[in-house]
Amino acid sequence: MRNIFVGISTTIATLLFGALNIHACSCGERQTPAKAYADASVVWIGTATKISRGGGRSGFGDLKVTLDVREFLKGRKTRPAEVFTSSQGTACGYPFENGETYLIYGYRDRETGSISTERCTRTREVDLGTVDDELEILRSLSVGRFEPRLYGAVEEITRGIYIGDRSPNRPMPGIAVIARGHSATYKAKTDWDGRFRFVDIRPGEYVLDLSLIH
């Protein structure tokens, strides 16, 4: 019989489970989407249209990224929108690329008023053609109707620990997932990508159970 090792990563509005990605810089504990939204000066979804040098100290915000913002989820609407980051990986600069679309958590410098971001924030690349649970949480916050959700993925671990944003593991579809809380229980099944979600659930702590029997 083949042994199967299963990994589960989940996120709820107030909790985050799972390992941090490993980068050249050193990051502390990663914030949940709701906490990151509350702390950020701006939250944007935008496409990088130009990346240039200048605007900050060498190695600390010395790259200026001009954005075509699709959605202003928090903060004043400004066009053109600009965000600064470091060109140095050791300084936790975010590796923006022209033409790619990003979810950006930006933080305003009190002295210059400029917006900056880095790897240690929840800033990341997004695909607007797919369902993205983090974006749905942020959209609910932006209109003042917070919609807690618990979501994640069930995967067969094929290579152990990985480095980067994409897992090399094998998604496990059709797995029954049960979320048990103090006052509520929810049931779901993983989709073809091994992902599951519980939408608009009661905030709190949950224990996840799953069945590998189809």
Protein backbone atom coordinates (compact mmCIF):
# COMPACT_ATOMS: atom_id res chain seq x y z
CA MET A 1 0.00 0.00 0.00
CA ARG A 2 1.33 3.43 -0.93
CA ASN A 3 1.75 5.87 1.93
CA ILE A 4 0.19 9.29 1.30
CA PHE A 5 1.34 12.38 3.15
CA VAL A 6 -1.22 15.15 3.12
CA GLY A 7 -0.65 18.85 3.68
CA ILE A 8 -3.39 21.37 4.47
CA SER A 9 -3.04 25.14 4.29
CA THR A 10 -5.91 27.30 5.51
CA THR A 11 -6.78 30.93 6.11
CA ILE A 12 -9.58 32.49 8.16
CA ALA A 13 -10.34 36.15 8.68
CA THR A 14 -8.56 36.23 12.03
CA LEU A 15 -6.14 33.30 11.72
CA LEU A 16 -3.48 32.06 9.34
CA PHE A 17 -2.07 28.54 9.33
CA GLY A 18 0.89 27.28 7.30
CA ALA A 19 4.56 27.97 6.71
CA LEU A 20 6.00 31.21 5.41
CA ASN A 21 7.73 31.29 2.06
CA ILE A 22 11.51 31.40 2.32
CA HIS A 23 13.24 34.45 0.82
CA ALA A 24 16.66 36.07 1.01
CA CYS A 25 15.32 38.64 3.47
CA SER A 26 14.04 37.79 6.93
CA CYS A 27 10.32 38.27 7.61
CA GLY A 28 8.35 38.01 10.83
CA GLU A 29 4.94 36.41 11.30
CA ARG A 30 2.72 36.92 8.28
CA GLN A 31 -0.47 38.92 8.84
CA THR A 32 -3.92 37.68 7.96
CA PRO A 33 -5.72 39.46 5.08
CA ALA A 34 -8.03 41.35 7.48
CA LYS A 35 -5.15 42.53 9.70
CA ALA A 36 -3.01 43.50 6.70
CA TYR A 37 -5.94 45.45 5.24
CA ALA A 38 -6.41 47.34 8.51
CA ASP A 39 -2.71 48.24 8.80
CA ALA A 40 -2.06 49.19 5.15
CA SER A 41 -2.38 52.77 3.91
CA VAL A 42 -3.61 51.59 0.50
CA VAL A 43 -4.71 48.28 -0.98
CA TRP A 44 -4.71 48.15 -4.77
CA ILE A 45 -5.13 45.64 -7.57
CA GLY A 46 -3.09 46.90 -10.48
CA THR A 47 -0.86 46.08 -13.43
CA ALA A 48 2.76 47.25 -13.51
CA THR A 49 3.24 49.46 -16.59
CA LYS A 50 6.67 50.95 -15.87
CA ILE A 51 9.56 50.17 -13.52
CA SER A 52 12.26 52.80 -13.10
CA ARG A 53 15.05 53.86 -10.77
CA GLY A 54 14.74 56.80 -8.44
CA GLY A 55 12.58 58.16 -5.67
CA GLY A 56 14.19 56.71 -2.58
CA ARG A 57 17.39 55.86 -0.77
CA SER A 58 19.71 53.48 -2.59
CA GLY A 59 18.58 49.94 -1.88
CA PHE A 60 15.60 51.11 0.18
CA GLY A 61 12.73 52.10 -2.08
CA ASP A 62 14.96 52.96 -5.02
CA LEU A 63 12.62 51.33 -7.57
CA LYS A 64 9.48 53.18 -8.67
CA VAL A 65 6.65 51.07 -10.10
CA THR A 66 3.90 52.85 -12.06
CA LEU A 67 0.57 51.02 -11.96
CA ASP A 68 -2.63 50.87 -13.93
CA VAL A 69 -4.92 50.28 -10.95
CA ARG A 70 -7.94 48.08 -11.66
CA GLU A 71 -9.46 48.33 -8.16
CA PHE A 72 -8.84 50.76 -5.31
CA LEU A 73 -9.79 48.63 -2.30
CA LYS A 74 -8.45 51.09 0.28
CA GLY A 75 -7.04 54.59 0.18
CA ARG A 76 -7.51 57.61 -2.03
CA LYS A 77 -7.82 57.05 -5.76
CA THR A 78 -4.75 58.48 -7.47
CA ARG A 79 -3.70 58.27 -11.12
CA PRO A 80 -1.04 57.56 -12.04
CA ALA A 81 -0.53 55.34 -9.02
CA GLU A 82 3.04 54.68 -7.92
CA VAL A 83 4.58 52.31 -5.40
CA PHE A 84 8.22 52.10 -4.31
CA THR A 85 10.25 49.06 -3.35
CA SER A 86 13.90 48.07 -2.95
CA SER A 87 16.01 46.73 -5.80
CA GLN A 88 17.84 44.51 -3.31
CA GLY A 89 16.45 41.13 -2.32
CA THR A 90 18.28 41.25 0.99
CA ALA A 91 16.33 44.44 1.76
CA CYS A 92 13.09 42.57 1.04
CA GLY A 93 12.35 44.39 -2.21
CA TYR A 94 9.40 42.97 -4.14
CA PRO A 95 10.31 41.63 -7.64
CA PHE A 96 7.75 43.45 -9.80
CA GLU A 97 7.63 42.72 -13.54
CA ASN A 98 6.14 44.87 -16.28
CA GLY A 99 2.78 43.64 -17.55
CA GLU A 100 1.97 41.53 -14.49
CA THR A 101 -1.01 42.20 -12.21
CA TYR A 102 -0.58 42.43 -8.44
CA LEU A 103 -2.47 42.72 -5.20
CA ILE A 104 -0.55 45.47 -3.40
CA TYR A 105 -0.55 46.32 0.27
CA GLY A 106 1.11 49.75 0.40
CA TYR A 107 2.38 51.75 3.38
CA ARG A 108 2.77 55.54 3.36
CA ASP A 109 6.05 57.17 4.39
CA ARG A 110 5.27 59.91 6.93
CA GLU A 111 8.05 62.18 5.67
CA THR A 112 7.73 61.86 1.89
CA GLY A 113 4.12 60.70 1.55
CA SER A 114 5.20 58.00 -0.93
CA ILE A 115 3.75 54.48 -0.90
CA SER A 116 6.07 51.50 -0.51
CA THR A 117 5.76 47.72 -0.28
CA GLU A 118 8.04 44.69 0.13
CA ARG A 119 8.16 40.90 0.20
CA CYS A 120 7.24 40.70 3.89
CA THR A 121 3.80 42.18 3.21
CA ARG A 122 0.98 40.20 1.58
CA THR A 123 1.71 41.87 -1.78
CA ARG A 124 1.66 39.21 -4.51
CA GLU A 125 0.83 38.47 -8.13
CA VAL A 126 -2.82 37.71 -8.90
CA ASP A 127 -4.83 36.16 -11.71
CA LEU A 128 -8.15 38.00 -12.01
CA GLY A 129 -9.55 35.18 -14.14
CA THR A 130 -9.71 32.79 -11.18
CA VAL A 131 -11.52 32.75 -7.83
CA ASP A 132 -9.27 34.36 -5.22
CA ASP A 133 -10.51 34.10 -1.62
CA GLU A 134 -8.19 36.78 -0.30
CA LEU A 135 -9.50 39.27 -2.87
CA GLU A 136 -13.08 38.43 -1.90
CA ILE A 137 -12.30 39.15 1.77
CA LEU A 138 -10.72 42.48 0.82
CA ARG A 139 -13.63 43.43 -1.42
CA SER A 140 -16.07 42.76 1.40
CA LEU A 141 -13.99 44.96 3.72
CA SER A 142 -13.82 47.75 1.13
CA VAL A 143 -17.61 48.08 1.07
CA GLY A 144 -17.99 47.79 4.84
CA ARG A 145 -19.50 44.30 4.84
CA PHE A 146 -16.92 41.96 6.35
CA GLU A 147 -17.41 38.38 5.10
CA PRO A 148 -15.27 35.93 7.10
CA ARG A 149 -14.20 32.82 5.25
CA LEU A 150 -12.04 29.80 5.90
CA TYR A 151 -10.20 28.45 2.87
CA GLY A 152 -7.21 26.40 1.85
CA ALA A 153 -6.02 23.38 -0.11
CA VAL A 154 -5.45 19.68 0.42
CA GLU A 155 -2.37 18.30 -1.35
CA GLU A 156 -0.44 15.08 -1.52
CA ILE A 157 3.11 16.00 -0.52
CA THR A 158 5.46 14.82 -3.24
CA ARG A 159 8.68 16.71 -2.50
CA GLY A 160 8.50 17.80 1.12
CA ILE A 161 9.44 21.40 1.93
CA TYR A 162 9.38 23.81 -1.01
CA ILE A 163 10.70 27.30 -1.66
CA GLY A 164 8.70 29.92 -3.52
CA ASP A 165 5.05 30.77 -4.10
CA ARG A 166 3.95 27.65 -5.93
CA SER A 167 3.66 24.22 -4.43
CA PRO A 168 5.00 21.24 -6.43
CA ASN A 169 2.61 18.93 -4.59
CA ARG A 170 -0.36 17.09 -6.11
CA PRO A 171 -3.87 18.55 -5.52
CA MET A 172 -6.40 16.12 -4.03
CA PRO A 173 -9.95 16.71 -5.36
CA GLY A 174 -13.14 15.31 -3.84
CA ILE A 175 -11.84 15.21 -0.27
CA ALA A 176 -14.46 15.82 2.44
CA VAL A 177 -13.41 18.63 4.79
CA ILE A 178 -15.22 19.38 8.06
CA ALA A 179 -14.59 22.58 10.05
CA ARG A 180 -15.60 22.22 13.70
CA GLY A 181 -15.89 25.32 15.90
CA HIS A 182 -17.27 26.01 19.36
CA SER A 183 -20.68 27.01 18.04
CA ALA A 184 -20.86 25.74 14.46
CA THR A 185 -19.81 22.93 12.13
CA TYR A 186 -19.37 23.31 8.36
CA LYS A 187 -18.80 20.74 5.62
CA ALA A 188 -17.26 21.06 2.14
CA LYS A 189 -15.41 19.08 -0.52
CA THR A 190 -12.22 20.01 -2.35
CA ASP A 191 -12.52 21.02 -6.00
CA TRP A 192 -10.35 19.82 -8.91
CA ASP A 193 -7.50 22.01 -7.67
CA GLY A 194 -7.72 20.51 -4.18
CA ARG A 195 -9.12 23.75 -2.78
CA PHE A 196 -11.99 24.21 -0.34
CA ARG A 197 -13.75 27.21 1.18
CA PHE A 198 -16.34 28.02 3.82
CA VAL A 199 -17.92 31.40 3.06
CA ASP A 200 -19.50 33.86 5.52
CA ILE A 201 -18.89 31.63 8.52
CA ARG A 202 -18.90 32.63 12.17
CA PRO A 203 -15.56 34.17 13.22
CA GLY A 204 -13.55 32.02 15.62
CA GLU A 205 -11.17 29.09 15.82
CA TYR A 206 -11.83 25.86 13.93
CA VAL A 207 -10.42 22.36 13.88
CA LEU A 208 -10.31 20.78 10.41
CA ASP A 209 -11.04 17.10 9.83
CA LEU A 210 -10.82 15.40 6.44
CA SER A 211 -11.58 12.01 4.95
CA LEU A 212 -9.31 10.44 2.32
CA ILE A 213 -12.01 7.90 1.44
CA HIS A 214 -13.86 8.98 -1.71
